[in-house]
Protein backbone atom coordinates (compact mmCIF):
# COMPACT_ATOMS: atom_id res chain seq x y z
CA MET A 1 -52.55 -22.35 61.13
CA ARG A 2 -53.18 -23.99 57.34
CA GLN A 3 -56.80 -22.11 57.48
CA GLN A 4 -55.17 -19.14 58.68
CA PHE A 5 -52.68 -18.89 55.91
CA LEU A 6 -55.23 -20.29 53.22
CA LEU A 7 -57.68 -17.32 53.79
CA PRO A 8 -55.33 -14.56 52.84
CA VAL A 9 -54.27 -15.94 49.56
CA ILE A 10 -57.89 -17.08 48.86
CA LEU A 11 -58.64 -13.54 48.71
CA PHE A 12 -56.03 -12.26 47.10
CA LEU A 13 -56.74 -14.64 44.02
CA CYS A 14 -60.47 -13.42 44.07
CA LYS A 15 -59.36 -10.02 44.12
CA SER A 16 -57.43 -10.77 41.09
CA VAL A 17 -60.10 -12.81 39.19
CA LEU A 18 -62.69 -9.88 40.15
CA PHE A 19 -60.37 -7.56 38.70
CA SER A 20 -59.58 -9.36 35.62
CA GLN A 21 -63.24 -9.34 35.05
CA THR A 22 -63.85 -5.39 35.42
CA ILE A 23 -65.07 -3.58 32.53
CA VAL A 24 -63.50 -0.13 31.54
CA GLN A 25 -65.09 0.64 28.08
CA ASN A 26 -62.86 0.25 25.56
CA PRO A 27 -63.10 4.05 23.76
CA SER A 28 -65.05 4.38 20.54
CA LYS A 29 -64.68 6.89 17.59
CA SER A 30 -66.88 9.39 19.55
CA ASP A 31 -64.43 9.33 22.52
CA PHE A 32 -61.43 10.81 20.54
CA SER A 33 -62.41 11.71 17.03
CA GLY A 34 -63.19 15.56 18.08
CA THR A 35 -60.17 16.09 20.25
CA LEU A 36 -58.39 14.79 17.74
CA SER A 37 -59.68 17.03 15.13
CA PHE A 38 -59.81 20.21 17.66
CA LEU A 39 -56.00 19.41 18.18
CA ALA A 40 -55.04 19.30 14.39
CA SER A 41 -57.14 22.75 13.57
CA ASP A 42 -55.39 25.79 12.61
CA TRP A 43 -56.91 27.05 16.02
CA MET A 44 -54.13 24.95 17.44
CA GLU A 45 -51.52 26.65 15.30
CA GLY A 46 -49.54 23.13 14.99
CA ARG A 47 -48.97 23.37 18.65
CA GLY A 48 -45.41 24.31 18.79
CA SER A 49 -43.41 23.85 22.19
CA THR A 50 -42.30 27.35 22.39
CA GLN A 51 -45.15 29.14 20.22
CA LYS A 52 -48.83 30.18 21.28
CA GLY A 53 -50.28 27.16 20.13
CA GLY A 54 -48.44 24.77 22.40
CA PHE A 55 -49.93 26.61 25.35
CA MET A 56 -53.41 27.11 23.81
CA ALA A 57 -53.23 23.24 23.23
CA SER A 58 -51.84 22.53 26.93
CA GLU A 59 -54.88 24.73 28.24
CA TYR A 60 -57.00 22.62 26.52
CA ILE A 61 -55.65 19.53 27.30
CA ALA A 62 -55.81 20.52 30.95
CA SER A 63 -59.41 21.60 30.48
CA MET A 64 -60.49 17.93 29.55
CA MET A 65 -58.60 16.26 32.23
CA GLU A 66 -60.44 18.38 34.65
CA LEU A 67 -63.74 17.35 32.60
CA TYR A 68 -62.93 14.23 33.25
CA GLN A 69 -62.44 14.59 37.05
CA LEU A 70 -58.65 13.64 37.03
CA ILE A 71 -56.85 14.82 39.85
CA PRO A 72 -54.13 17.10 39.24
CA TYR A 73 -50.59 16.11 39.46
CA ASN A 74 -49.47 18.60 41.66
CA SER A 75 -51.25 20.72 44.44
CA LYS A 76 -49.46 23.72 43.78
CA SER A 77 -49.47 24.30 39.98
CA GLY A 78 -52.42 21.61 39.32
CA TYR A 79 -51.94 20.08 35.93
CA PHE A 80 -49.14 21.69 34.53
CA GLN A 81 -45.53 20.83 35.09
CA ASP A 82 -43.34 24.37 34.17
CA PHE A 83 -39.98 24.24 32.92
CA LYS A 84 -37.91 26.22 30.75
CA ILE A 85 -35.40 25.42 27.97
CA LEU A 86 -33.09 27.07 25.32
CA GLU A 87 -33.64 27.51 21.75
CA HIS A 88 -30.83 27.98 19.35
CA THR A 89 -31.95 29.42 16.37
CA VAL A 90 -30.18 29.95 13.22
CA LYS A 91 -29.59 33.39 12.46
CA LYS A 92 -26.90 33.22 9.50
CA THR A 93 -25.44 30.28 7.55
CA SER A 94 -23.16 29.69 4.68
CA PHE A 95 -21.65 26.44 3.03
CA GLU A 96 -18.96 26.74 0.57
CA ILE A 97 -17.96 24.08 -1.70
CA LYS A 98 -14.11 24.48 -2.62
CA LYS A 99 -12.60 22.63 -5.76
CA ARG A 100 -8.92 22.77 -6.50
CA ASN A 101 -8.70 25.09 -10.13
CA THR A 102 -11.99 25.68 -10.08
CA GLU A 103 -14.21 28.62 -8.47
CA THR A 104 -15.88 28.70 -4.89
CA LEU A 105 -19.82 26.95 -5.05
CA LEU A 106 -21.78 28.95 -2.70
CA LEU A 107 -24.76 27.05 -1.72
CA SER A 108 -28.45 28.23 -0.50
CA PRO A 109 -30.13 27.59 2.53
CA GLU A 110 -32.94 28.51 0.93
CA ASN A 111 -33.01 26.02 -1.97
CA ASP A 112 -29.90 23.79 -1.35
CA TYR A 113 -29.55 22.73 2.34
CA GLN A 114 -30.81 22.92 6.01
CA VAL A 115 -28.82 22.61 8.91
CA THR A 116 -29.05 21.78 12.45
CA PRO A 117 -26.62 24.05 14.78
CA ILE A 118 -24.97 22.79 18.03
CA THR A 119 -25.17 25.13 20.61
CA GLN A 120 -22.68 27.53 19.72
CA SER A 121 -21.81 29.30 16.73
CA LEU A 122 -19.34 27.80 14.70
CA GLN A 123 -16.67 28.49 11.44
CA ARG A 124 -14.71 25.41 10.01
CA GLU A 125 -13.32 24.14 6.62
CA ALA A 126 -12.31 20.60 6.26
CA GLN A 127 -12.08 17.76 3.34
CA ILE A 128 -15.21 15.54 2.50
CA VAL A 129 -15.19 11.87 2.82
CA PHE A 130 -17.97 9.61 1.57
CA ALA A 131 -19.09 6.85 3.74
CA GLY A 132 -22.29 5.12 2.05
CA TYR A 133 -25.27 5.14 4.64
CA GLY A 134 -23.23 6.44 7.45
CA LEU A 135 -23.68 3.28 9.67
CA SER A 136 -21.68 1.02 11.72
CA ILE A 137 -22.84 -2.43 12.55
CA PRO A 138 -20.46 -4.89 12.59
CA LYS A 139 -22.05 -7.86 13.34
CA GLU A 140 -24.45 -7.37 10.79
CA GLY A 141 -22.14 -7.32 8.25
CA CYS A 142 -22.54 -3.54 7.67
CA ASP A 143 -19.55 -1.16 8.34
CA ASP A 144 -19.14 2.11 6.42
CA TYR A 145 -16.61 3.30 8.39
CA LYS A 146 -14.33 0.48 8.05
CA ASN A 147 -10.63 1.20 7.59
CA LEU A 148 -11.60 5.00 7.71
CA ASN A 149 -10.26 7.95 9.54
CA VAL A 150 -12.79 10.63 9.71
CA LYS A 151 -11.17 12.39 12.35
CA GLY A 152 -11.44 16.01 11.64
CA LYS A 153 -13.24 15.81 8.38
CA ILE A 154 -16.88 16.15 7.50
CA VAL A 155 -18.75 13.27 6.50
CA VAL A 156 -21.28 12.68 3.89
CA ILE A 157 -23.85 9.95 3.82
CA LEU A 158 -26.86 8.51 2.10
CA LYS A 159 -30.14 9.45 3.42
CA GLY A 160 -31.93 5.81 4.76
CA PHE A 161 -30.52 2.41 4.82
CA PRO A 162 -29.56 -0.10 2.40
CA GLY A 163 -32.16 -1.38 0.48
CA HIS A 164 -34.74 0.64 1.41
CA GLN A 165 -36.64 1.80 -1.72
CA ASP A 166 -37.69 -1.75 -2.02
CA SER A 167 -39.75 -3.01 0.67
CA THR A 168 -39.96 -6.50 -0.28
CA SER A 169 -36.10 -6.91 -0.40
CA THR A 170 -34.14 -9.08 2.13
CA LEU A 171 -32.16 -6.09 2.68
CA TYR A 172 -35.27 -3.67 3.52
CA GLN A 173 -37.10 -6.21 6.08
CA LYS A 174 -33.52 -6.75 7.77
CA PHE A 175 -32.93 -2.83 8.16
CA LYS A 176 -36.28 -2.35 9.08
CA LYS A 177 -36.18 -4.85 11.64
CA LEU A 178 -33.06 -3.01 13.25
CA PHE A 179 -34.51 0.68 12.45
CA PRO A 180 -37.73 0.61 12.93
CA GLU A 181 -38.23 4.53 13.55
CA GLU A 182 -37.21 6.67 10.89
CA ASN A 183 -35.91 9.43 13.31
CA ASN A 184 -33.78 6.98 15.59
CA LEU A 185 -31.85 5.75 12.09
CA GLU A 186 -31.36 9.28 11.60
CA GLU A 187 -29.97 9.86 15.45
CA VAL A 188 -27.79 6.34 15.12
CA LYS A 189 -25.92 7.88 11.96
CA ILE A 190 -25.24 11.41 14.12
CA GLN A 191 -23.79 9.64 17.24
CA THR A 192 -21.45 6.99 15.04
CA ALA A 193 -20.28 10.37 12.88
CA ILE A 194 -19.60 12.18 16.47
CA ASN A 195 -17.98 8.71 17.91
CA LYS A 196 -15.75 8.88 14.74
CA ASN A 197 -14.78 11.95 15.45
CA ALA A 198 -16.00 13.45 12.62
CA ILE A 199 -16.45 17.65 12.73
CA ALA A 200 -19.58 17.75 10.74
CA LEU A 201 -22.10 15.58 9.11
CA ILE A 202 -23.92 15.74 6.01
CA ILE A 203 -27.05 13.27 4.77
CA ILE A 204 -28.06 13.74 1.06
CA GLY A 205 -31.32 12.51 -0.19
CA ALA A 206 -31.59 8.95 -1.55
CA ASN A 207 -31.43 8.79 -5.71
CA GLY A 208 -35.11 9.73 -6.79
CA ASP A 209 -36.36 12.09 -3.91
CA PRO A 210 -38.14 14.97 -4.70
CA LYS A 211 -36.15 18.30 -5.13
CA PHE A 212 -35.23 20.00 -1.56
CA LYS A 213 -38.78 21.93 -0.85
CA ASN A 214 -40.62 18.89 -0.71
CA PHE A 215 -38.18 17.32 1.44
CA LYS A 216 -39.45 16.08 4.94
CA GLU A 217 -39.94 19.30 6.74
CA ASP A 218 -38.87 18.33 9.79
CA ALA A 219 -38.09 21.98 11.37
CA LEU A 220 -34.39 21.42 11.89
CA LEU A 221 -34.08 25.16 12.33
CA HIS A 222 -32.96 24.95 16.11
CA SER A 223 -31.29 23.06 18.16
CA LEU A 224 -31.55 22.30 22.05
CA GLU A 225 -29.09 22.41 24.81
CA THR A 226 -29.84 19.02 26.36
CA PRO A 227 -28.44 15.87 26.95
CA THR A 228 -29.45 15.06 23.39
CA THR A 229 -27.89 17.90 21.68
CA THR A 230 -26.51 17.23 18.49
CA ALA A 231 -22.50 17.62 19.28
CA ILE A 232 -21.68 18.30 15.69
CA PRO A 233 -23.46 20.30 12.92
CA LEU A 234 -25.87 18.18 10.70
CA PHE A 235 -26.68 19.38 7.16
CA LYS A 236 -29.01 18.05 4.86
CA LEU A 237 -28.43 18.71 1.03
CA ASN A 238 -30.99 18.24 -1.83
CA LYS A 239 -29.69 16.22 -4.61
CA SER A 240 -28.84 18.81 -7.03
CA ALA A 241 -26.34 20.47 -4.08
CA ALA A 242 -25.24 16.98 -3.95
CA GLU A 243 -24.21 16.70 -7.25
CA LYS A 244 -22.12 19.78 -7.27
CA LEU A 245 -20.50 17.99 -3.70
CA PHE A 246 -19.66 15.33 -6.11
CA SER A 247 -18.70 16.56 -9.22
CA GLY A 248 -15.12 16.03 -10.62
CA ASN A 249 -15.26 12.66 -8.75
CA SER A 250 -15.91 8.99 -9.62
CA ILE A 251 -19.11 8.86 -7.67
CA SER A 252 -22.16 8.30 -8.91
CA LEU A 253 -24.66 7.98 -6.01
CA GLU A 254 -27.39 6.09 -8.40
CA THR A 255 -24.57 3.33 -9.01
CA VAL A 256 -23.82 3.09 -4.91
CA GLU A 257 -27.21 2.82 -4.04
CA LYS A 258 -27.61 -0.06 -6.77
CA ASN A 259 -24.49 -1.51 -5.17
CA TYR A 260 -25.42 -1.22 -1.80
CA ALA A 261 -29.07 -2.91 -2.86
CA ASN A 262 -27.20 -5.88 -3.73
CA LYS A 263 -24.35 -6.06 -1.70
CA ILE A 264 -23.98 -4.51 1.77
CA GLY A 265 -20.27 -2.98 2.47
CA ILE A 266 -19.34 -0.45 -0.30
CA PRO A 267 -15.58 0.80 0.56
CA PRO A 268 -15.71 4.32 1.44
CA VAL A 269 -14.33 7.05 -0.75
CA GLN A 270 -12.51 10.40 0.16
CA LEU A 271 -13.45 13.30 -2.13
CA LYS A 272 -10.37 14.31 -3.87
CA ASN A 273 -9.45 18.24 -4.07
CA THR A 274 -12.79 19.15 -2.25
CA THR A 275 -13.32 20.70 1.07
CA VAL A 276 -16.24 22.66 2.66
CA ASN A 277 -16.25 26.05 4.46
CA PHE A 278 -19.18 26.62 6.86
CA SER A 279 -20.30 28.84 9.11
CA ILE A 280 -23.21 29.03 11.85
CA GLU A 281 -24.23 32.05 13.57
CA LEU A 282 -26.84 30.91 16.16
CA GLN A 283 -29.35 33.01 18.33
CA THR A 284 -30.56 31.87 21.38
CA LYS A 285 -33.41 32.26 23.74
CA THR A 286 -34.76 30.78 26.63
CA PHE A 287 -38.85 29.81 26.53
CA PRO A 288 -41.19 28.53 29.19
CA VAL A 289 -42.83 24.97 28.27
CA ARG A 290 -45.21 22.81 30.25
CA ASN A 291 -45.98 18.97 30.68
CA VAL A 292 -50.11 18.18 31.50
CA LEU A 293 -50.09 15.81 34.13
CA GLY A 294 -53.57 14.49 35.67
CA MET A 295 -54.18 11.18 37.40
CA ILE A 296 -56.78 8.67 38.98
CA GLN A 297 -55.48 7.82 42.52
CA GLY A 298 -54.93 4.27 43.27
CA LYS A 299 -55.04 2.22 46.40
CA ASP A 300 -51.28 2.02 46.55
CA THR A 301 -49.96 5.53 46.14
CA THR A 302 -46.58 4.53 46.05
CA LYS A 303 -47.06 3.04 42.74
CA THR A 304 -47.64 4.71 39.42
CA ILE A 305 -48.80 3.25 35.68
CA ILE A 306 -48.40 6.26 33.21
CA VAL A 307 -50.01 6.67 30.23
CA GLY A 308 -48.71 9.04 27.92
CA ALA A 309 -48.50 11.09 24.63
CA HIS A 310 -46.35 14.02 23.51
CA TYR A 311 -48.87 16.86 22.80
CA ASP A 312 -46.44 19.06 20.63
CA HIS A 313 -45.51 19.43 16.74
CA LEU A 314 -43.61 21.91 14.73
CA GLY A 315 -46.03 24.71 15.11
CA ILE A 316 -45.89 27.25 12.13
CA ILE A 317 -42.44 27.25 10.46
CA ASN A 318 -42.29 30.24 7.81
CA ASP A 319 -45.86 31.50 8.26
CA THR A 320 -46.97 27.87 7.78
CA ILE A 321 -48.87 25.51 10.02
CA TYR A 322 -47.98 22.25 10.80
CA ASN A 323 -50.90 20.64 12.18
CA GLY A 324 -49.51 16.95 13.02
CA ALA A 325 -52.65 15.24 12.98
CA ASP A 326 -50.90 11.61 13.38
CA ASP A 327 -47.86 13.47 14.88
CA ASN A 328 -49.27 13.18 17.77
CA ALA A 329 -52.71 14.64 17.86
CA SER A 330 -53.65 10.93 17.49
CA GLY A 331 -51.86 9.73 20.68
CA VAL A 332 -52.87 12.80 23.04
CA SER A 333 -56.68 12.00 21.88
CA GLY A 334 -56.30 8.56 22.56
CA MET A 335 -54.41 9.23 26.09
CA LEU A 336 -57.55 11.47 26.88
CA ALA A 337 -59.97 8.62 25.82
CA LEU A 338 -58.63 6.34 28.08
CA ALA A 339 -58.43 9.08 30.91
CA LYS A 340 -62.25 9.80 30.02
CA ASN A 341 -63.30 6.01 29.98
CA TRP A 342 -61.26 5.09 33.51
CA SER A 343 -62.33 7.82 35.28
CA GLU A 344 -66.02 7.37 34.26
CA SER A 345 -65.92 3.66 35.35
CA LYS A 346 -65.70 5.30 38.85
CA ILE A 347 -62.92 1.86 39.72
CA LYS A 348 -60.18 2.45 42.20
CA PRO A 349 -57.12 0.80 40.47
CA PRO A 350 -54.64 -1.04 42.70
CA CYS A 351 -52.16 1.90 42.38
CA ASN A 352 -51.81 5.06 40.68
CA ILE A 353 -52.44 5.75 37.08
CA LEU A 354 -51.23 8.99 35.45
CA PHE A 355 -52.23 10.38 32.07
CA ALA A 356 -49.46 12.34 31.05
CA SER A 357 -48.88 14.55 27.68
CA TRP A 358 -45.57 15.56 27.30
CA THR A 359 -44.02 18.63 25.66
CA ALA A 360 -40.98 19.28 23.36
CA GLU A 361 -40.60 15.71 22.07
CA GLU A 362 -39.97 17.07 18.85
CA MET A 363 -36.76 19.01 20.42
CA GLY A 364 -35.20 15.92 21.80
CA LEU A 365 -37.77 14.22 24.51
CA LEU A 366 -37.24 17.30 26.79
CA GLY A 367 -40.98 16.95 28.39
CA SER A 368 -40.62 13.53 29.42
CA GLN A 369 -36.52 13.64 30.54
CA ASN A 370 -37.71 16.65 32.34
CA PHE A 371 -40.27 14.48 34.02
CA ILE A 372 -38.36 11.53 35.24
CA GLN A 373 -35.28 13.57 36.07
CA ASN A 374 -37.61 15.46 38.61
CA PHE A 375 -39.37 12.22 39.86
CA ASP A 376 -38.17 10.52 43.48
CA LEU A 377 -37.93 6.95 41.97
CA LYS A 378 -36.80 5.87 45.75
CA LYS A 379 -40.42 6.82 47.18
CA GLN A 380 -42.45 6.18 43.88
CA LYS A 381 -42.27 3.07 41.74
CA ILE A 382 -43.13 3.41 37.94
CA LEU A 383 -44.75 -0.14 37.03
CA LEU A 384 -45.04 0.57 33.34
CA VAL A 385 -45.04 3.46 31.03
CA ILE A 386 -47.32 3.23 28.04
CA ASN A 387 -46.55 5.61 25.01
CA MET A 388 -48.32 6.62 21.69
CA ASP A 389 -46.61 8.32 19.34
CA MET A 390 -48.35 8.20 15.53
CA ILE A 391 -51.34 5.52 16.09
CA SER A 392 -53.70 6.69 13.28
CA ARG A 393 -51.80 6.13 9.71
CA SER A 394 -50.24 3.06 8.03
CA ALA A 395 -46.88 3.20 6.12
CA PRO A 396 -46.91 2.79 1.98
CA GLU A 397 -46.06 -0.69 2.13
CA ASP A 398 -48.88 -1.49 4.83
CA LYS A 399 -51.56 -2.17 1.92
CA THR A 400 -54.15 -3.60 4.28
CA HIS A 401 -53.76 -0.69 7.01
CA ARG A 402 -53.38 -3.90 9.85
CA VAL A 403 -49.67 -3.48 10.95
CA LEU A 404 -48.96 -2.42 14.38
CA SER A 405 -45.50 -1.74 15.78
CA ILE A 406 -45.19 -2.46 19.54
CA GLY A 407 -41.90 -1.92 21.44
CA THR A 408 -40.87 -3.51 24.57
CA GLN A 409 -37.53 -3.24 26.30
CA GLU A 410 -35.37 -6.67 26.01
CA GLY A 411 -36.69 -9.56 28.25
CA SER A 412 -40.53 -8.15 28.76
CA ASP A 413 -41.74 -11.50 27.68
CA SER A 414 -44.67 -11.14 29.75
CA LEU A 415 -45.33 -7.59 28.24
CA LYS A 416 -45.67 -9.20 25.25
CA GLU A 417 -47.60 -11.87 25.99
CA ILE A 418 -50.23 -9.71 27.20
CA ILE A 419 -49.83 -7.54 24.12
CA THR A 420 -50.41 -10.75 21.91
CA PHE A 421 -53.46 -11.95 24.35
CA SER A 422 -54.80 -8.30 23.65
CA ASN A 423 -54.28 -8.25 20.07
CA SER A 424 -56.17 -11.89 19.72
CA LYS A 425 -59.48 -10.65 20.92
CA LEU A 426 -59.63 -7.90 18.09
CA SER A 427 -62.45 -9.23 15.71
CA LYS A 428 -59.76 -8.56 12.94
CA PRO A 429 -55.93 -8.76 14.73
CA PHE A 430 -53.11 -6.65 13.60
CA THR A 431 -50.45 -8.07 12.12
CA LEU A 432 -47.94 -7.28 14.97
CA ASP A 433 -44.25 -5.85 14.93
CA LEU A 434 -42.93 -6.57 17.88
CA TRP A 435 -39.77 -4.94 18.55
CA GLU A 436 -36.83 -4.03 21.32
CA THR A 437 -36.50 -0.70 22.35
CA ASN A 438 -33.21 -1.17 23.80
CA GLY A 439 -30.83 1.49 22.01
CA HIS A 440 -33.58 3.10 20.41
CA THR A 441 -34.74 6.77 21.28
CA GLY A 442 -37.36 7.55 18.86
CA SER A 443 -40.21 8.80 21.43
CA ASP A 444 -40.92 9.77 25.04
CA TYR A 445 -40.62 5.82 25.75
CA ALA A 446 -36.57 6.00 25.92
CA SER A 447 -36.82 8.82 29.12
CA PHE A 448 -38.11 5.88 30.80
CA ALA A 449 -36.35 2.47 29.40
CA ALA A 450 -32.86 4.69 30.02
CA LYS A 451 -34.04 4.37 33.81
CA GLY A 452 -35.00 0.60 33.48
CA ILE A 453 -38.90 1.20 33.56
CA PRO A 454 -40.60 -0.98 31.84
CA VAL A 455 -42.45 0.15 28.78
CA MET A 456 -44.94 -0.39 26.24
CA THR A 457 -44.68 2.16 22.78
CA TYR A 458 -47.36 2.11 20.11
CA PHE A 459 -46.63 3.36 16.45
CA SER A 460 -48.52 2.68 13.25
CA GLY A 461 -46.24 3.37 10.87
CA PHE A 462 -44.53 5.92 8.85
CA HIS A 463 -45.82 7.77 6.05
CA ASP A 464 -45.15 10.17 3.23
CA ASP A 465 -47.06 13.02 4.78
CA TYR A 466 -44.96 12.61 8.30
CA HIS A 467 -43.44 16.00 9.30
CA SER A 468 -45.39 17.85 6.62
CA ILE A 469 -47.81 20.17 6.13
CA ARG A 470 -50.03 17.14 4.98
CA ASP A 471 -50.39 15.60 8.09
CA VAL A 472 -53.91 16.77 8.71
CA ALA A 473 -56.80 15.23 10.30
CA SER A 474 -58.68 14.36 7.25
CA LYS A 475 -56.44 11.92 6.68
CA VAL A 476 -56.30 10.08 9.86
CA ASP A 477 -57.88 6.34 9.98
CA LEU A 478 -60.39 6.22 13.11
CA ASP A 479 -60.83 2.82 13.14
CA LYS A 480 -57.37 2.05 13.33
CA ILE A 481 -57.11 4.21 16.52
CA GLN A 482 -60.04 2.47 18.17
CA ASP A 483 -58.34 -0.79 17.13
CA VAL A 484 -55.08 0.64 19.12
CA LEU A 485 -56.71 1.87 21.89
CA PHE A 486 -58.66 -1.28 22.58
CA ILE A 487 -55.29 -3.28 22.64
CA ILE A 488 -53.81 -0.83 24.95
CA ASN A 489 -56.90 -0.82 27.31
CA THR A 490 -57.28 -4.73 27.24
CA SER A 491 -53.23 -5.15 27.99
CA LEU A 492 -53.84 -2.48 31.15
CA LEU A 493 -56.34 -4.33 32.24
CA ARG A 494 -54.86 -7.46 32.17
CA PHE A 495 -51.07 -5.78 33.10
CA ILE A 496 -53.28 -4.62 36.57
CA ALA A 497 -54.76 -8.17 37.37
CA ASN A 498 -51.67 -9.70 37.16
CA MET A 499 -49.86 -7.20 39.48
CA PRO A 500 -48.56 -9.08 42.34
């Protein structure tokens, strides 16, 4: 009896050891550099989800999956998962500042502000309330809404977080840890204003920001009818427009930022004798979009590991191409390089490995959300989702270019151990910024984390070219991508080796 019991145990242990020693070649620069350059070229027209470039990119990615002999995810539609989205474009907008005993100031949408609409046309007039950086985190000693009633009012806040201009400050380190993703910080501010019953949110550039035409061009000309759609309008004002808004009030933006840099919690202020009258007229269209999905079939087809990255970017805006080399041609080229090497290894993994290229991430994680909403979690179990979003550049404060941010869910100690081990195998390990994704929605990992699925999301840092025409292939760090993919591949092998 004892021998009968020990035999399967010994076989299992031998199998685990053998797989842990299995070699799937780590991607080299030649595996991803050409793919990245092509996806980020003008030929792809910025890969806008609802534009021609997005469909050309999806065809190219599918052709690469076929070349690497991945199995089409769907026997009927092949590598494509097609669905439709609604896009609400701003047809006409106005923004008037009204002050008592003075004439009305009409701002220009071309020069003074941008607007992200809700899903219906709207016209409102309301009082203005200034609420610092628009954060409400009492447990961290920061509540810009303390003793402030903003119901039915328009809230004005600063871009960024306390101390964001000094990366060496204690405040910067504190809030950067809380908000490692810039776009997630903005979403938190919007949701906070919504929860406080504000009717609109105005974000103004921090003191010292360049003029509006050089702001982060983040394609805020449309909004989608999705669960993540903004429930109130969001306006972004440049500094000169903000000065018009604050004129006649005893508020100095420069002073507020300096005070915040020394002490969290500047009292909120209602702008006296000031109201704003805004209007948004929308045009709505329906667009077809698609995810691109290919897989290596495993021995147990009821379990799946997903290796994914979004392929869409901002596309063409005002006749200008936004190439999106780092965001996110880098992630897609990395995903395809991993698919190539795993396929060429001829290894049959113990479970399915699905290589996914999501669409419409820039429009609210729509591709990954559509996938998981149509995935039968009762019949199929997703063991892990690896997400790559911007893995080829470094933040300005990362002078050595050796910081790597990796997010996992709270309590994922085993995943953190795998990541740390994999990093230690590099000849020049990264300085790891390990953070928890709970409460964050900055990339496609959030669609899966919301379902309780374990995630690893890789990100190499925000840079000044983010969402600008300067995010081009000539600026990517190929060495950094190669080392990031080393960690991902090593972690994937180790995760599979440790599977029960």
